[in-house]
Structures are given as structure tokens and as C-alpha cells.
Amino acid sequence: MLDNLDTLAEEIKAKEAEIKEMRKEYREQKTAGLRSAIEQRNEADKLVRDELKSLGYNYRSPYESLFRTGIA
């Protein structure tokens, strides 16, 4: 009977590890679009900064100003 309980405990641990991995994969798939959008926004912001810098302007991101003023 003790062997049976040990076997069941090992199976439970294995299933818990499998569930943990599946949850991680689910979160990654769920937020993939958001991560991609953020990356694209950051790339666009960099292009705007570079363009404004080449035109002689000092560019600050609107997101930075929100955090500096304490609004966000």
C-alpha cells in the first residue's frame, strides 16, 4: 500500500509540473500580441526620436512625461 501511495504522489508531482508548464505556455500565447504591439511601438518611438533628433529637436516620449509629472 505504501508503494501505491508513493507512486500516486510521484504521478501528482509530475502532473503538477505539466500543468505549470501548460499555464506558462498559455500566458505566453495569450500575451504574444501585446508583447508584439509594445515592441512595434518602441521601434516606432525610436524612429520618431531619431527623425526629430536629425531635425534638431529634443524629443521626449509622451509616456516619459506622464511619469515625470506624477500623473500615471
C-alpha atoms as a PDB file:
ATOM      1  CA  MET A   1       0.000   0.000   0.000  1.00  0.00           C
ATOM      2  CA  LEU A   2       2.883   2.362   0.790  1.00  0.00           C
ATOM      3  CA  ASP A   3       4.336   1.756  -2.672  1.00  0.00           C
ATOM      4  CA  ASN A   4       0.994   2.627  -4.213  1.00  0.00           C
ATOM      5  CA  LEU A   5       0.867   5.918  -2.260  1.00  0.00           C
ATOM      6  CA  ASP A   6       4.423   6.789  -3.281  1.00  0.00           C
ATOM      7  CA  THR A   7       3.562   6.085  -6.910  1.00  0.00           C
ATOM      8  CA  LEU A   8       0.480   8.273  -6.688  1.00  0.00           C
ATOM      9  CA  ALA A   9       2.493  11.072  -5.065  1.00  0.00           C
ATOM     10  CA  GLU A  10       5.051  10.923  -7.885  1.00  0.00           C
ATOM     11  CA  GLU A  11       2.303  10.987 -10.510  1.00  0.00           C
ATOM     12  CA  ILE A  12       0.736  14.014  -8.809  1.00  0.00           C
ATOM     13  CA  LYS A  13       4.061  15.855  -8.811  1.00  0.00           C
ATOM     14  CA  ALA A  14       4.558  15.043 -12.486  1.00  0.00           C
ATOM     15  CA  LYS A  15       1.055  16.274 -13.375  1.00  0.00           C
ATOM     16  CA  GLU A  16       1.549  19.462 -11.345  1.00  0.00           C
ATOM     17  CA  ALA A  17       4.778  20.161 -13.232  1.00  0.00           C
ATOM     18  CA  GLU A  18       2.970  19.516 -16.515  1.00  0.00           C
ATOM     19  CA  ILE A  19       0.141  21.883 -15.527  1.00  0.00           C
ATOM     20  CA  LYS A  20       2.645  24.555 -14.504  1.00  0.00           C
ATOM     21  CA  GLU A  21       4.342  24.314 -17.890  1.00  0.00           C
ATOM     22  CA  MET A  22       0.990  24.453 -19.697  1.00  0.00           C
ATOM     23  CA  ARG A  23      -0.022  27.569 -17.733  1.00  0.00           C
ATOM     24  CA  LYS A  24       3.262  29.237 -18.660  1.00  0.00           C
ATOM     25  CA  GLU A  25       2.723  28.419 -22.337  1.00  0.00           C
ATOM     26  CA  TYR A  26      -0.869  29.693 -22.137  1.00  0.00           C
ATOM     27  CA  ARG A  27       0.250  33.032 -20.628  1.00  0.00           C
ATOM     28  CA  GLU A  28       2.919  33.431 -23.303  1.00  0.00           C
ATOM     29  CA  GLN A  29       0.444  32.758 -26.105  1.00  0.00           C
ATOM     30  CA  LYS A  30      -2.186  34.991 -24.519  1.00  0.00           C
ATOM     31  CA  THR A  31       0.165  37.979 -24.277  1.00  0.00           C
ATOM     32  CA  ALA A  32       2.095  37.425 -27.511  1.00  0.00           C
ATOM     33  CA  GLY A  33       0.041  40.027 -29.385  1.00  0.00           C
ATOM     34  CA  LEU A  34       0.516  42.603 -26.656  1.00  0.00           C
ATOM     35  CA  ARG A  35       4.263  42.000 -26.487  1.00  0.00           C
ATOM     36  CA  SER A  36       4.468  42.346 -30.269  1.00  0.00           C
ATOM     37  CA  ALA A  37       2.480  45.608 -30.211  1.00  0.00           C
ATOM     38  CA  ILE A  38       4.679  47.047 -27.463  1.00  0.00           C
ATOM     39  CA  GLU A  39       7.803  46.095 -29.382  1.00  0.00           C
ATOM     40  CA  GLN A  40       6.461  47.722 -32.541  1.00  0.00           C
ATOM     41  CA  ARG A  41       5.515  50.876 -30.610  1.00  0.00           C
ATOM     42  CA  ASN A  42       9.008  51.051 -29.129  1.00  0.00           C
ATOM     43  CA  GLU A  43      10.549  50.702 -32.579  1.00  0.00           C
ATOM     44  CA  ALA A  44       8.261  53.440 -33.935  1.00  0.00           C
ATOM     45  CA  ASP A  45       9.133  55.696 -30.990  1.00  0.00           C
ATOM     46  CA  LYS A  46      12.814  55.175 -31.712  1.00  0.00           C
ATOM     47  CA  LEU A  47      12.335  56.094 -35.368  1.00  0.00           C
ATOM     48  CA  VAL A  48      10.442  59.251 -34.349  1.00  0.00           C
ATOM     49  CA  ARG A  49      13.164  60.184 -31.842  1.00  0.00           C
ATOM     50  CA  ASP A  50      15.873  59.645 -34.439  1.00  0.00           C
ATOM     51  CA  GLU A  51      13.998  61.686 -37.044  1.00  0.00           C
ATOM     52  CA  LEU A  52      13.319  64.556 -34.637  1.00  0.00           C
ATOM     53  CA  LYS A  53      16.929  64.475 -33.483  1.00  0.00           C
ATOM     54  CA  SER A  54      18.107  64.726 -37.090  1.00  0.00           C
ATOM     55  CA  LEU A  55      15.818  67.763 -37.474  1.00  0.00           C
ATOM     56  CA  GLY A  56      17.349  69.362 -34.390  1.00  0.00           C
ATOM     57  CA  TYR A  57      14.512  68.791 -31.938  1.00  0.00           C
ATOM     58  CA  ASN A  58      14.863  67.372 -28.437  1.00  0.00           C
ATOM     59  CA  TYR A  59      12.205  64.675 -28.307  1.00  0.00           C
ATOM     60  CA  ARG A  60      10.638  63.299 -25.144  1.00  0.00           C
ATOM     61  CA  SER A  61       8.224  60.441 -25.200  1.00  0.00           C
ATOM     62  CA  PRO A  62       4.723  61.321 -24.011  1.00  0.00           C
ATOM     63  CA  TYR A  63       4.941  58.267 -21.748  1.00  0.00           C
ATOM     64  CA  GLU A  64       8.028  59.652 -20.047  1.00  0.00           C
ATOM     65  CA  SER A  65       6.353  62.976 -19.346  1.00  0.00           C
ATOM     66  CA  LEU A  66       3.416  61.247 -17.662  1.00  0.00           C
ATOM     67  CA  PHE A  67       5.718  59.500 -15.242  1.00  0.00           C
ATOM     68  CA  ARG A  68       7.817  62.600 -14.615  1.00  0.00           C
ATOM     69  CA  THR A  69       4.772  64.713 -13.734  1.00  0.00           C
ATOM     70  CA  GLY A  70       3.314  62.039 -11.464  1.00  0.00           C
ATOM     71  CA  ILE A  71       0.087  61.700 -13.442  1.00  0.00           C
ATOM     72  CA  ALA A  72       0.482  57.979 -14.040  1.00  0.00           C
END
